[in-house]
Amino acid sequence: MRKQLQSLFPLPVSKGQHFEQVAEHWLAARGLRLVARNYRCRGGEIDLIMYQGQTLVFVEVRYRATNSHGGAASSITYSKQRKIMLAARHYLQQHVINEAHQACRFDVIAFEGEQPHWFQNAF
């Protein structure tokens, strides 16, 4: 019953959640397979974790309505990168994945308005 109500009256989605969903579908259309959404640990968070072939991809999704303050991609500071890397390391440890044997990379999907830009191996 509760599920029926949720489908009739969906909860409002934040802009961040909306663009994460758009990025997930956009990447899936390009062959990536979803593993996890919004993985959180004490030190950081990863928006999407996906596989592209045998490579585990940690994806940060950013949105900016305009690029007047440097744009979405430039909003990922060194500090933010470190938090994402810490969360990725935590994910690998929690799932007993040996990072020496698992190809990994960090991608960014940056939305300038509605247009996605995919930066593979961004950091």
PDB file of N, CA and C in Angstrom:
ATOM      1  N   MET A   1       0.825  -1.191   0.000  1.00  0.00           N
ATOM      2  CA  MET A   1       0.000   0.000   0.000  1.00  0.00           C
ATOM      3  C   MET A   1       0.872   1.259   0.000  1.00  0.00           C
ATOM      4  N   ARG A   2       1.905   1.231   0.850  1.00  0.00           N
ATOM      5  CA  ARG A   2       2.779   2.400   0.949  1.00  0.00           C
ATOM      6  C   ARG A   2       3.458   2.696  -0.390  1.00  0.00           C
ATOM      7  N   LYS A   3       3.933   1.630  -1.083  1.00  0.00           N
ATOM      8  CA  LYS A   3       4.565   1.804  -2.385  1.00  0.00           C
ATOM      9  C   LYS A   3       3.607   2.403  -3.397  1.00  0.00           C
ATOM     10  N   GLN A   4       2.350   1.984  -3.347  1.00  0.00           N
ATOM     11  CA  GLN A   4       1.347   2.534  -4.255  1.00  0.00           C
ATOM     12  C   GLN A   4       1.177   4.029  -4.014  1.00  0.00           C
ATOM     13  N   LEU A   5       1.153   4.422  -2.748  1.00  0.00           N
ATOM     14  CA  LEU A   5       1.012   5.842  -2.427  1.00  0.00           C
ATOM     15  C   LEU A   5       2.222   6.640  -2.895  1.00  0.00           C
ATOM     16  N   GLN A   6       3.417   6.051  -2.718  1.00  0.00           N
ATOM     17  CA  GLN A   6       4.615   6.753  -3.153  1.00  0.00           C
ATOM     18  C   GLN A   6       4.621   6.960  -4.657  1.00  0.00           C
ATOM     19  N   SER A   7       4.127   5.977  -5.409  1.00  0.00           N
ATOM     20  CA  SER A   7       4.111   6.146  -6.863  1.00  0.00           C
ATOM     21  C   SER A   7       3.046   7.149  -7.285  1.00  0.00           C
ATOM     22  N   LEU A   8       1.947   7.258  -6.519  1.00  0.00           N
ATOM     23  CA  LEU A   8       0.911   8.238  -6.834  1.00  0.00           C
ATOM     24  C   LEU A   8       1.327   9.647  -6.431  1.00  0.00           C
ATOM     25  N   PHE A   9       2.072   9.744  -5.335  1.00  0.00           N
ATOM     26  CA  PHE A   9       2.498  11.037  -4.806  1.00  0.00           C
ATOM     27  C   PHE A   9       3.999  11.004  -4.571  1.00  0.00           C
ATOM     28  N   PRO A  10       4.791  11.078  -5.651  1.00  0.00           N
ATOM     29  CA  PRO A  10       6.242  10.995  -5.473  1.00  0.00           C
ATOM     30  C   PRO A  10       6.776  12.154  -4.647  1.00  0.00           C
ATOM     31  N   LEU A  11       7.786  11.841  -3.859  1.00  0.00           N
ATOM     32  CA  LEU A  11       8.429  12.884  -3.062  1.00  0.00           C
ATOM     33  C   LEU A  11       9.181  13.836  -3.980  1.00  0.00           C
ATOM     34  N   PRO A  12       9.216  15.119  -3.640  1.00  0.00           N
ATOM     35  CA  PRO A  12       9.978  16.043  -4.477  1.00  0.00           C
ATOM     36  C   PRO A  12      11.457  15.680  -4.456  1.00  0.00           C
ATOM     37  N   VAL A  13      12.096  15.848  -5.580  1.00  0.00           N
ATOM     38  CA  VAL A  13      13.504  15.506  -5.721  1.00  0.00           C
ATOM     39  C   VAL A  13      14.306  16.812  -5.751  1.00  0.00           C
ATOM     40  N   SER A  14      15.408  16.845  -4.991  1.00  0.00           N
ATOM     41  CA  SER A  14      16.252  18.034  -5.007  1.00  0.00           C
ATOM     42  C   SER A  14      16.950  18.139  -6.357  1.00  0.00           C
ATOM     43  N   LYS A  15      17.490  19.303  -6.648  1.00  0.00           N
ATOM     44  CA  LYS A  15      18.226  19.466  -7.913  1.00  0.00           C
ATOM     45  C   LYS A  15      19.400  18.512  -7.976  1.00  0.00           C
ATOM     46  N   GLY A  16      20.096  18.355  -6.859  1.00  0.00           N
ATOM     47  CA  GLY A  16      21.228  17.443  -6.828  1.00  0.00           C
ATOM     48  C   GLY A  16      20.817  16.024  -7.151  1.00  0.00           C
ATOM     49  N   GLN A  17      19.737  15.557  -6.528  1.00  0.00           N
ATOM     50  CA  GLN A  17      19.244  14.207  -6.801  1.00  0.00           C
ATOM     51  C   GLN A  17      18.784  14.078  -8.249  1.00  0.00           C
ATOM     52  N   HIS A  18      18.126  15.117  -8.745  1.00  0.00           N
ATOM     53  CA  HIS A  18      17.655  15.093 -10.131  1.00  0.00           C
ATOM     54  C   HIS A  18      18.830  14.901 -11.091  1.00  0.00           C
ATOM     55  N   PHE A  19      19.876  15.687 -10.921  1.00  0.00           N
ATOM     56  CA  PHE A  19      21.013  15.605 -11.839  1.00  0.00           C
ATOM     57  C   PHE A  19      21.817  14.319 -11.640  1.00  0.00           C
ATOM     58  N   GLU A  20      21.826  13.769 -10.440  1.00  0.00           N
ATOM     59  CA  GLU A  20      22.453  12.459 -10.233  1.00  0.00           C
ATOM     60  C   GLU A  20      21.689  11.386 -11.003  1.00  0.00           C
ATOM     61  N   GLN A  21      20.355  11.456 -10.984  1.00  0.00           N
ATOM     62  CA  GLN A  21      19.546  10.497 -11.742  1.00  0.00           C
ATOM     63  C   GLN A  21      19.774  10.653 -13.240  1.00  0.00           C
ATOM     64  N   VAL A  22      19.811  11.900 -13.698  1.00  0.00           N
ATOM     65  CA  VAL A  22      20.061  12.156 -15.122  1.00  0.00           C
ATOM     66  C   VAL A  22      21.428  11.612 -15.514  1.00  0.00           C
ATOM     67  N   ALA A  23      22.442  11.865 -14.684  1.00  0.00           N
ATOM     68  CA  ALA A  23      23.803  11.379 -14.965  1.00  0.00           C
ATOM     69  C   ALA A  23      23.829   9.855 -14.995  1.00  0.00           C
ATOM     70  N   GLU A  24      23.156   9.227 -14.041  1.00  0.00           N
ATOM     71  CA  GLU A  24      23.117   7.765 -14.007  1.00  0.00           C
ATOM     72  C   GLU A  24      22.538   7.205 -15.309  1.00  0.00           C
ATOM     73  N   HIS A  25      21.414   7.739 -15.745  1.00  0.00           N
ATOM     74  CA  HIS A  25      20.787   7.252 -16.977  1.00  0.00           C
ATOM     75  C   HIS A  25      21.640   7.570 -18.199  1.00  0.00           C
ATOM     76  N   TRP A  26      22.253   8.730 -18.196  1.00  0.00           N
ATOM     77  CA  TRP A  26      23.095   9.155 -19.316  1.00  0.00           C
ATOM     78  C   TRP A  26      24.303   8.223 -19.444  1.00  0.00           C
ATOM     79  N   LEU A  27      24.922   7.887 -18.312  1.00  0.00           N
ATOM     80  CA  LEU A  27      26.071   6.980 -18.331  1.00  0.00           C
ATOM     81  C   LEU A  27      25.646   5.548 -18.676  1.00  0.00           C
ATOM     82  N   ALA A  28      24.503   5.119 -18.164  1.00  0.00           N
ATOM     83  CA  ALA A  28      24.000   3.778 -18.488  1.00  0.00           C
ATOM     84  C   ALA A  28      23.756   3.648 -19.990  1.00  0.00           C
ATOM     85  N   ALA A  29      23.281   4.705 -20.612  1.00  0.00           N
ATOM     86  CA  ALA A  29      23.059   4.692 -22.064  1.00  0.00           C
ATOM     87  C   ALA A  29      24.378   4.576 -22.818  1.00  0.00           C
ATOM     88  N   ARG A  30      25.482   4.865 -22.170  1.00  0.00           N
ATOM     89  CA  ARG A  30      26.809   4.764 -22.772  1.00  0.00           C
ATOM     90  C   ARG A  30      27.542   3.508 -22.321  1.00  0.00           C
ATOM     91  N   GLY A  31      26.804   2.583 -21.719  1.00  0.00           N
ATOM     92  CA  GLY A  31      27.365   1.276 -21.416  1.00  0.00           C
ATOM     93  C   GLY A  31      27.858   1.053 -19.998  1.00  0.00           C
ATOM     94  N   LEU A  32      27.764   2.040 -19.113  1.00  0.00           N
ATOM     95  CA  LEU A  32      28.199   1.834 -17.740  1.00  0.00           C
ATOM     96  C   LEU A  32      27.085   1.144 -16.955  1.00  0.00           C
ATOM     97  N   ARG A  33      27.484   0.352 -15.966  1.00  0.00           N
ATOM     98  CA  ARG A  33      26.532  -0.412 -15.157  1.00  0.00           C
ATOM     99  C   ARG A  33      26.604   0.073 -13.710  1.00  0.00           C
ATOM    100  N   LEU A  34      25.443   0.415 -13.151  1.00  0.00           N
ATOM    101  CA  LEU A  34      25.369   0.948 -11.795  1.00  0.00           C
ATOM    102  C   LEU A  34      25.697  -0.120 -10.753  1.00  0.00           C
ATOM    103  N   VAL A  35      26.513   0.268  -9.764  1.00  0.00           N
ATOM    104  CA  VAL A  35      26.839  -0.577  -8.623  1.00  0.00           C
ATOM    105  C   VAL A  35      26.197  -0.001  -7.363  1.00  0.00           C
ATOM    106  N   ALA A  36      26.339   1.321  -7.158  1.00  0.00           N
ATOM    107  CA  ALA A  36      25.807   1.957  -5.947  1.00  0.00           C
ATOM    108  C   ALA A  36      25.557   3.434  -6.199  1.00  0.00           C
ATOM    109  N   ARG A  37      24.617   3.980  -5.455  1.00  0.00           N
ATOM    110  CA  ARG A  37      24.311   5.416  -5.470  1.00  0.00           C
ATOM    111  C   ARG A  37      24.593   5.993  -4.088  1.00  0.00           C
ATOM    112  N   ASN A  38      25.087   7.185  -4.043  1.00  0.00           N
ATOM    113  CA  ASN A  38      25.268   7.941  -2.809  1.00  0.00           C
ATOM    114  C   ASN A  38      25.933   7.116  -1.705  1.00  0.00           C
ATOM    115  N   TYR A  39      27.099   6.570  -2.024  1.00  0.00           N
ATOM    116  CA  TYR A  39      27.861   5.810  -1.032  1.00  0.00           C
ATOM    117  C   TYR A  39      28.486   6.799  -0.057  1.00  0.00           C
ATOM    118  N   ARG A  40      28.202   6.603   1.222  1.00  0.00           N
ATOM    119  CA  ARG A  40      28.696   7.519   2.251  1.00  0.00           C
ATOM    120  C   ARG A  40      29.520   6.772   3.285  1.00  0.00           C
ATOM    121  N   CYS A  41      30.530   7.453   3.745  1.00  0.00           N
ATOM    122  CA  CYS A  41      31.287   6.987   4.901  1.00  0.00           C
ATOM    123  C   CYS A  41      31.612   8.224   5.725  1.00  0.00           C
ATOM    124  N   ARG A  42      32.284   8.043   6.817  1.00  0.00           N
ATOM    125  CA  ARG A  42      32.542   9.152   7.731  1.00  0.00           C
ATOM    126  C   ARG A  42      33.267  10.327   7.062  1.00  0.00           C
ATOM    127  N   GLY A  43      34.164  10.050   6.149  1.00  0.00           N
ATOM    128  CA  GLY A  43      34.982  11.113   5.593  1.00  0.00           C
ATOM    129  C   GLY A  43      34.550  11.667   4.252  1.00  0.00           C
ATOM    130  N   GLY A  44      33.556  11.039   3.608  1.00  0.00           N
ATOM    131  CA  GLY A  44      33.193  11.530   2.289  1.00  0.00           C
ATOM    132  C   GLY A  44      32.011  10.802   1.698  1.00  0.00           C
ATOM    133  N   GLU A  45      31.717  11.136   0.442  1.00  0.00           N
ATOM    134  CA  GLU A  45      30.568  10.581  -0.243  1.00  0.00           C
ATOM    135  C   GLU A  45      30.860  10.489  -1.734  1.00  0.00           C
ATOM    136  N   ILE A  46      30.317   9.444  -2.362  1.00  0.00           N
ATOM    137  CA  ILE A  46      30.457   9.268  -3.808  1.00  0.00           C
ATOM    138  C   ILE A  46      29.056   9.217  -4.392  1.00  0.00           C
ATOM    139  N   ASP A  47      28.808  10.034  -5.406  1.00  0.00           N
ATOM    140  CA  ASP A  47      27.470  10.105  -5.987  1.00  0.00           C
ATOM    141  C   ASP A  47      27.070   8.808  -6.666  1.00  0.00           C
ATOM    142  N   LEU A  48      27.921   8.295  -7.554  1.00  0.00           N
ATOM    143  CA  LEU A  48      27.620   7.074  -8.290  1.00  0.00           C
ATOM    144  C   LEU A  48      28.863   6.198  -8.349  1.00  0.00           C
ATOM    145  N   ILE A  49      28.656   4.898  -8.222  1.00  0.00           N
ATOM    146  CA  ILE A  49      29.730   3.935  -8.444  1.00  0.00           C
ATOM    147  C   ILE A  49      29.229   3.020  -9.550  1.00  0.00           C
ATOM    148  N   MET A  50      30.020   2.924 -10.620  1.00  0.00           N
ATOM    149  CA  MET A  50      29.586   2.182 -11.806  1.00  0.00           C
ATOM    150  C   MET A  50      30.751   1.380 -12.360  1.00  0.00           C
ATOM    151  N   TYR A  51      30.433   0.415 -13.184  1.00  0.00           N
ATOM    152  CA  TYR A  51      31.452  -0.316 -13.929  1.00  0.00           C
ATOM    153  C   TYR A  51      31.373   0.077 -15.391  1.00  0.00           C
ATOM    154  N   GLN A  52      32.536   0.305 -15.987  1.00  0.00           N
ATOM    155  CA  GLN A  52      32.658   0.417 -17.431  1.00  0.00           C
ATOM    156  C   GLN A  52      33.600  -0.710 -17.837  1.00  0.00           C
ATOM    157  N   GLY A  53      33.022  -1.769 -18.379  1.00  0.00           N
ATOM    158  CA  GLY A  53      33.813  -2.970 -18.631  1.00  0.00           C
ATOM    159  C   GLY A  53      34.284  -3.518 -17.300  1.00  0.00           C
ATOM    160  N   GLN A  54      35.595  -3.669 -17.138  1.00  0.00           N
ATOM    161  CA  GLN A  54      36.178  -4.178 -15.891  1.00  0.00           C
ATOM    162  C   GLN A  54      36.655  -3.067 -14.958  1.00  0.00           C
ATOM    163  N   THR A  55      36.460  -1.811 -15.364  1.00  0.00           N
ATOM    164  CA  THR A  55      36.929  -0.671 -14.569  1.00  0.00           C
ATOM    165  C   THR A  55      35.836  -0.172 -13.646  1.00  0.00           C
ATOM    166  N   LEU A  56      36.166  -0.046 -12.366  1.00  0.00           N
ATOM    167  CA  LEU A  56      35.258   0.510 -11.377  1.00  0.00           C
ATOM    168  C   LEU A  56      35.385   2.030 -11.440  1.00  0.00           C
ATOM    169  N   VAL A  57      34.265   2.701 -11.668  1.00  0.00           N
ATOM    170  CA  VAL A  57      34.273   4.144 -11.889  1.00  0.00           C
ATOM    171  C   VAL A  57      33.539   4.833 -10.749  1.00  0.00           C
ATOM    172  N   PHE A  58      34.227   5.743 -10.067  1.00  0.00           N
ATOM    173  CA  PHE A  58      33.637   6.561  -9.017  1.00  0.00           C
ATOM    174  C   PHE A  58      33.277   7.903  -9.659  1.00  0.00           C
ATOM    175  N   VAL A  59      31.995   8.244  -9.617  1.00  0.00           N
ATOM    176  CA  VAL A  59      31.500   9.399 -10.370  1.00  0.00           C
ATOM    177  C   VAL A  59      31.018  10.493  -9.426  1.00  0.00           C
ATOM    178  N   GLU A  60      31.538  11.689  -9.627  1.00  0.00           N
ATOM    179  CA  GLU A  60      31.060  12.887  -8.936  1.00  0.00           C
ATOM    180  C   GLU A  60      30.189  13.661  -9.917  1.00  0.00           C
ATOM    181  N   VAL A  61      28.992  14.018  -9.482  1.00  0.00           N
ATOM    182  CA  VAL A  61      28.054  14.759 -10.327  1.00  0.00           C
ATOM    183  C   VAL A  61      27.955  16.174  -9.781  1.00  0.00           C
ATOM    184  N   ARG A  62      28.146  17.147 -10.667  1.00  0.00           N
ATOM    185  CA  ARG A  62      28.066  18.559 -10.271  1.00  0.00           C
ATOM    186  C   ARG A  62      27.131  19.298 -11.207  1.00  0.00           C
ATOM    187  N   TYR A  63      26.416  20.266 -10.642  1.00  0.00           N
ATOM    188  CA  TYR A  63      25.486  21.081 -11.416  1.00  0.00           C
ATOM    189  C   TYR A  63      25.698  22.550 -11.086  1.00  0.00           C
ATOM    190  N   ARG A  64      25.702  23.350 -12.109  1.00  0.00           N
ATOM    191  CA  ARG A  64      25.686  24.801 -11.967  1.00  0.00           C
ATOM    192  C   ARG A  64      24.777  25.339 -13.061  1.00  0.00           C
ATOM    193  N   ALA A  65      23.887  26.241 -12.700  1.00  0.00           N
ATOM    194  CA  ALA A  65      22.957  26.812 -13.682  1.00  0.00           C
ATOM    195  C   ALA A  65      23.714  27.602 -14.746  1.00  0.00           C
ATOM    196  N   THR A  66      24.787  28.269 -14.316  1.00  0.00           N
ATOM    197  CA  THR A  66      25.619  29.031 -15.259  1.00  0.00           C
ATOM    198  C   THR A  66      27.080  28.803 -14.892  1.00  0.00           C
ATOM    199  N   ASN A  67      27.969  29.231 -15.759  1.00  0.00           N
ATOM    200  CA  ASN A  67      29.395  29.106 -15.451  1.00  0.00           C
ATOM    201  C   ASN A  67      29.989  30.443 -15.019  1.00  0.00           C
ATOM    202  N   SER A  68      29.153  31.330 -14.513  1.00  0.00           N
ATOM    203  CA  SER A  68      29.629  32.658 -14.118  1.00  0.00           C
ATOM    204  C   SER A  68      30.618  32.620 -12.953  1.00  0.00           C
ATOM    205  N   HIS A  69      30.588  31.556 -12.163  1.00  0.00           N
ATOM    206  CA  HIS A  69      31.533  31.433 -11.045  1.00  0.00           C
ATOM    207  C   HIS A  69      32.511  30.292 -11.274  1.00  0.00           C
ATOM    208  N   GLY A  70      32.822  30.016 -12.537  1.00  0.00           N
ATOM    209  CA  GLY A  70      33.805  29.003 -12.858  1.00  0.00           C
ATOM    210  C   GLY A  70      33.236  27.690 -13.349  1.00  0.00           C
ATOM    211  N   GLY A  71      31.959  27.482 -13.223  1.00  0.00           N
ATOM    212  CA  GLY A  71      31.348  26.277 -13.753  1.00  0.00           C
ATOM    213  C   GLY A  71      31.363  25.109 -12.796  1.00  0.00           C
ATOM    214  N   ALA A  72      30.656  24.065 -13.198  1.00  0.00           N
ATOM    215  CA  ALA A  72      30.471  22.892 -12.338  1.00  0.00           C
ATOM    216  C   ALA A  72      31.769  22.127 -12.114  1.00  0.00           C
ATOM    217  N   ALA A  73      32.515  21.885 -13.170  1.00  0.00           N
ATOM    218  CA  ALA A  73      33.740  21.085 -13.036  1.00  0.00           C
ATOM    219  C   ALA A  73      34.758  21.762 -12.133  1.00  0.00           C
ATOM    220  N   SER A  74      34.888  23.068 -12.239  1.00  0.00           N
ATOM    221  CA  SER A  74      35.885  23.767 -11.423  1.00  0.00           C
ATOM    222  C   SER A  74      35.478  23.870  -9.958  1.00  0.00           C
ATOM    223  N   SER A  75      34.250  23.478  -9.638  1.00  0.00           N
ATOM    224  CA  SER A  75      33.813  23.537  -8.235  1.00  0.00           C
ATOM    225  C   SER A  75      34.309  22.337  -7.423  1.00  0.00           C
ATOM    226  N   ILE A  76      34.972  21.392  -8.082  1.00  0.00           N
ATOM    227  CA  ILE A  76      35.503  20.232  -7.372  1.00  0.00           C
ATOM    228  C   ILE A  76      36.928  20.559  -6.924  1.00  0.00           C
ATOM    229  N   THR A  77      37.020  21.017  -5.708  1.00  0.00           N
ATOM    230  CA  THR A  77      38.291  21.458  -5.158  1.00  0.00           C
ATOM    231  C   THR A  77      39.179  20.262  -4.798  1.00  0.00           C
ATOM    232  N   TYR A  78      40.418  20.547  -4.500  1.00  0.00           N
ATOM    233  CA  TYR A  78      41.346  19.505  -4.058  1.00  0.00           C
ATOM    234  C   TYR A  78      40.808  18.830  -2.797  1.00  0.00           C
ATOM    235  N   SER A  79      40.241  19.600  -1.892  1.00  0.00           N
ATOM    236  CA  SER A  79      39.676  19.051  -0.668  1.00  0.00           C
ATOM    237  C   SER A  79      38.537  18.082  -0.982  1.00  0.00           C
ATOM    238  N   LYS A  80      37.676  18.444  -1.924  1.00  0.00           N
ATOM    239  CA  LYS A  80      36.571  17.566  -2.332  1.00  0.00           C
ATOM    240  C   LYS A  80      37.117  16.300  -2.982  1.00  0.00           C
ATOM    241  N   GLN A  81      38.143  16.424  -3.788  1.00  0.00           N
ATOM    242  CA  GLN A  81      38.770  15.264  -4.417  1.00  0.00           C
ATOM    243  C   GLN A  81      39.294  14.298  -3.358  1.00  0.00           C
ATOM    244  N   ARG A  82      39.936  14.826  -2.339  1.00  0.00           N
ATOM    245  CA  ARG A  82      40.466  13.993  -1.261  1.00  0.00           C
ATOM    246  C   ARG A  82      39.349  13.240  -0.547  1.00  0.00           C
ATOM    247  N   LYS A  83      38.203  13.902  -0.321  1.00  0.00           N
ATOM    248  CA  LYS A  83      37.068  13.252   0.344  1.00  0.00           C
ATOM    249  C   LYS A  83      36.502  12.131  -0.521  1.00  0.00           C
ATOM    250  N   ILE A  84      36.440  12.357  -1.815  1.00  0.00           N
ATOM    251  CA  ILE A  84      35.950  11.326  -2.735  1.00  0.00           C
ATOM    252  C   ILE A  84      36.914  10.148  -2.742  1.00  0.00           C
ATOM    253  N   MET A  85      38.206  10.428  -2.784  1.00  0.00           N
ATOM    254  CA  MET A  85      39.205   9.358  -2.774  1.00  0.00           C
ATOM    255  C   MET A  85      39.155   8.560  -1.469  1.00  0.00           C
ATOM    256  N   LEU A  86      38.946   9.245  -0.352  1.00  0.00           N
ATOM    257  CA  LEU A  86      38.821   8.574   0.940  1.00  0.00           C
ATOM    258  C   LEU A  86      37.596   7.658   0.933  1.00  0.00           C
ATOM    259  N   ALA A  87      36.478   8.142   0.415  1.00  0.00           N
ATOM    260  CA  ALA A  87      35.261   7.325   0.346  1.00  0.00           C
ATOM    261  C   ALA A  87      35.465   6.133  -0.592  1.00  0.00           C
ATOM    262  N   ALA A  88      36.187   6.328  -1.690  1.00  0.00           N
ATOM    263  CA  ALA A  88      36.469   5.232  -2.623  1.00  0.00           C
ATOM    264  C   ALA A  88      37.319   4.164  -1.948  1.00  0.00           C
ATOM    265  N   ARG A  89      38.326   4.589  -1.219  1.00  0.00           N
ATOM    266  CA  ARG A  89      39.174   3.631  -0.501  1.00  0.00           C
ATOM    267  C   ARG A  89      38.348   2.855   0.528  1.00  0.00           C
ATOM    268  N   HIS A  90      37.471   3.557   1.217  1.00  0.00           N
ATOM    269  CA  HIS A  90      36.586   2.920   2.191  1.00  0.00           C
ATOM    270  C   HIS A  90      35.684   1.895   1.494  1.00  0.00           C
ATOM    271  N   TYR A  91      35.122   2.253   0.353  1.00  0.00           N
ATOM    272  CA  TYR A  91      34.270   1.342  -0.414  1.00  0.00           C
ATOM    273  C   TYR A  91      35.046   0.075  -0.783  1.00  0.00           C
ATOM    274  N   LEU A  92      36.252   0.247  -1.288  1.00  0.00           N
ATOM    275  CA  LEU A  92      37.063  -0.905  -1.683  1.00  0.00           C
ATOM    276  C   LEU A  92      37.347  -1.815  -0.487  1.00  0.00           C
ATOM    277  N   GLN A  93      37.664  -1.211   0.651  1.00  0.00           N
ATOM    278  CA  GLN A  93      37.942  -1.997   1.854  1.00  0.00           C
ATOM    279  C   GLN A  93      36.692  -2.722   2.342  1.00  0.00           C
ATOM    280  N   GLN A  94      35.556  -2.034   2.358  1.00  0.00           N
ATOM    281  CA  GLN A  94      34.308  -2.627   2.832  1.00  0.00           C
ATOM    282  C   GLN A  94      33.848  -3.780   1.948  1.00  0.00           C
ATOM    283  N   HIS A  95      34.170  -3.713   0.662  1.00  0.00           N
ATOM    284  CA  HIS A  95      33.748  -4.743  -0.274  1.00  0.00           C
ATOM    285  C   HIS A  95      34.888  -5.721  -0.618  1.00  0.00           C
ATOM    286  N   VAL A  96      35.960  -5.655   0.160  1.00  0.00           N
ATOM    287  CA  VAL A  96      37.118  -6.537   0.033  1.00  0.00           C
ATOM    288  C   VAL A  96      37.576  -6.610  -1.430  1.00  0.00           C
ATOM    289  N   ILE A  97      37.775  -5.431  -1.985  1.00  0.00           N
ATOM    290  CA  ILE A  97      38.283  -5.317  -3.353  1.00  0.00           C
ATOM    291  C   ILE A  97      39.726  -4.849  -3.256  1.00  0.00           C
ATOM    292  N   ASN A  98      40.629  -5.623  -3.792  1.00  0.00           N
ATOM    293  CA  ASN A  98      42.048  -5.296  -3.757  1.00  0.00           C
ATOM    294  C   ASN A  98      42.324  -4.237  -4.821  1.00  0.00           C
ATOM    295  N   GLU A  99      42.629  -3.031  -4.381  1.00  0.00           N
ATOM    296  CA  GLU A  99      42.821  -1.936  -5.338  1.00  0.00           C
ATOM    297  C   GLU A  99      44.037  -2.146  -6.237  1.00  0.00           C
ATOM    298  N   ALA A 100      44.949  -3.014  -5.842  1.00  0.00           N
ATOM    299  CA  ALA A 100      46.097  -3.308  -6.699  1.00  0.00           C
ATOM    300  C   ALA A 100      45.687  -4.148  -7.903  1.00  0.00           C
ATOM    301  N   HIS A 101      44.567  -4.872  -7.778  1.00  0.00           N
ATOM    302  CA  HIS A 101      44.120  -5.749  -8.859  1.00  0.00           C
ATOM    303  C   HIS A 101      42.851  -5.251  -9.551  1.00  0.00           C
ATOM    304  N   GLN A 102      42.264  -4.173  -9.055  1.00  0.00           N
ATOM    305  CA  GLN A 102      41.030  -3.642  -9.629  1.00  0.00           C
ATOM    306  C   GLN A 102      41.307  -2.291 -10.279  1.00  0.00           C
ATOM    307  N   ALA A 103      41.072  -2.204 -11.576  1.00  0.00           N
ATOM    308  CA  ALA A 103      41.218  -0.915 -12.259  1.00  0.00           C
ATOM    309  C   ALA A 103      40.112   0.013 -11.767  1.00  0.00           C
ATOM    310  N   CYS A 104      40.510   1.214 -11.362  1.00  0.00           N
ATOM    311  CA  CYS A 104      39.564   2.219 -10.865  1.00  0.00           C
ATOM    312  C   CYS A 104      39.868   3.560 -11.511  1.00  0.00           C
ATOM    313  N   ARG A 105      38.870   4.404 -11.582  1.00  0.00           N
ATOM    314  CA  ARG A 105      39.107   5.781 -12.013  1.00  0.00           C
ATOM    315  C   ARG A 105      38.036   6.683 -11.414  1.00  0.00           C
ATOM    316  N   PHE A 106      38.309   7.972 -11.463  1.00  0.00           N
ATOM    317  CA  PHE A 106      37.404   8.988 -10.942  1.00  0.00           C
ATOM    318  C   PHE A 106      36.939   9.854 -12.104  1.00  0.00           C
ATOM    319  N   ASP A 107      35.631   9.847 -12.338  1.00  0.00           N
ATOM    320  CA  ASP A 107      35.039  10.648 -13.406  1.00  0.00           C
ATOM    321  C   ASP A 107      34.193  11.756 -12.807  1.00  0.00           C
ATOM    322  N   VAL A 108      33.959  12.777 -13.613  1.00  0.00           N
ATOM    323  CA  VAL A 108      33.077  13.872 -13.235  1.00  0.00           C
ATOM    324  C   VAL A 108      32.054  14.047 -14.348  1.00  0.00           C
ATOM    325  N   ILE A 109      30.791  14.163 -13.952  1.00  0.00           N
ATOM    326  CA  ILE A 109      29.740  14.592 -14.874  1.00  0.00           C
ATOM    327  C   ILE A 109      29.364  15.990 -14.403  1.00  0.00           C
ATOM    328  N   ALA A 110      29.684  16.974 -15.219  1.00  0.00           N
ATOM    329  CA  ALA A 110      29.433  18.373 -14.872  1.00  0.00           C
ATOM    330  C   ALA A 110      28.308  18.899 -15.756  1.00  0.00           C
ATOM    331  N   PHE A 111      27.268  19.379 -15.123  1.00  0.00           N
ATOM    332  CA  PHE A 111      26.137  19.948 -15.852  1.00  0.00           C
ATOM    333  C   PHE A 111      26.244  21.466 -15.831  1.00  0.00           C
ATOM    334  N   GLU A 112      26.283  22.032 -17.018  1.00  0.00           N
ATOM    335  CA  GLU A 112      26.187  23.489 -17.185  1.00  0.00           C
ATOM    336  C   GLU A 112      24.790  23.699 -17.742  1.00  0.00           C
ATOM    337  N   GLY A 113      23.868  24.110 -16.890  1.00  0.00           N
ATOM    338  CA  GLY A 113      22.473  24.113 -17.288  1.00  0.00           C
ATOM    339  C   GLY A 113      22.023  22.664 -17.389  1.00  0.00           C
ATOM    340  N   GLU A 114      21.459  22.283 -18.520  1.00  0.00           N
ATOM    341  CA  GLU A 114      20.984  20.903 -18.706  1.00  0.00           C
ATOM    342  C   GLU A 114      21.992  20.031 -19.447  1.00  0.00           C
ATOM    343  N   GLN A 115      23.069  20.606 -19.939  1.00  0.00           N
ATOM    344  CA  GLN A 115      24.027  19.884 -20.786  1.00  0.00           C
ATOM    345  C   GLN A 115      25.096  19.177 -19.949  1.00  0.00           C
ATOM    346  N   PRO A 116      25.201  17.826 -20.056  1.00  0.00           N
ATOM    347  CA  PRO A 116      26.252  17.120 -19.310  1.00  0.00           C
ATOM    348  C   PRO A 116      27.580  17.145 -20.039  1.00  0.00           C
ATOM    349  N   HIS A 117      28.647  17.252 -19.267  1.00  0.00           N
ATOM    350  CA  HIS A 117      30.012  17.133 -19.797  1.00  0.00           C
ATOM    351  C   HIS A 117      30.677  16.036 -18.980  1.00  0.00           C
ATOM    352  N   TRP A 118      31.233  15.042 -19.682  1.00  0.00           N
ATOM    353  CA  TRP A 118      31.819  13.868 -19.028  1.00  0.00           C
ATOM    354  C   TRP A 118      33.334  13.981 -19.065  1.00  0.00           C
ATOM    355  N   PHE A 119      33.926  14.079 -17.887  1.00  0.00           N
ATOM    356  CA  PHE A 119      35.376  14.136 -17.752  1.00  0.00           C
ATOM    357  C   PHE A 119      35.831  12.796 -17.176  1.00  0.00           C
ATOM    358  N   GLN A 120      36.378  11.956 -18.035  1.00  0.00           N
ATOM    359  CA  GLN A 120      36.850  10.652 -17.601  1.00  0.00           C
ATOM    360  C   GLN A 120      38.250  10.797 -16.996  1.00  0.00           C
ATOM    361  N   ASN A 121      38.505  10.035 -15.945  1.00  0.00           N
ATOM    362  CA  ASN A 121      39.808  10.077 -15.279  1.00  0.00           C
ATOM    363  C   ASN A 121      40.157  11.509 -14.878  1.00  0.00           C
ATOM    364  N   ALA A 122      39.192  12.180 -14.258  1.00  0.00           N
ATOM    365  CA  ALA A 122      39.289  13.607 -13.976  1.00  0.00           C
ATOM    366  C   ALA A 122      40.364  13.952 -12.930  1.00  0.00           C
ATOM    367  N   PHE A 123      40.614  13.033 -12.011  1.00  0.00           N
ATOM    368  CA  PHE A 123      41.658  13.267 -10.987  1.00  0.00           C
ATOM    369  C   PHE A 123      42.166  11.957 -10.458  1.00  0.00           C
TER     370      PHE A 123
END
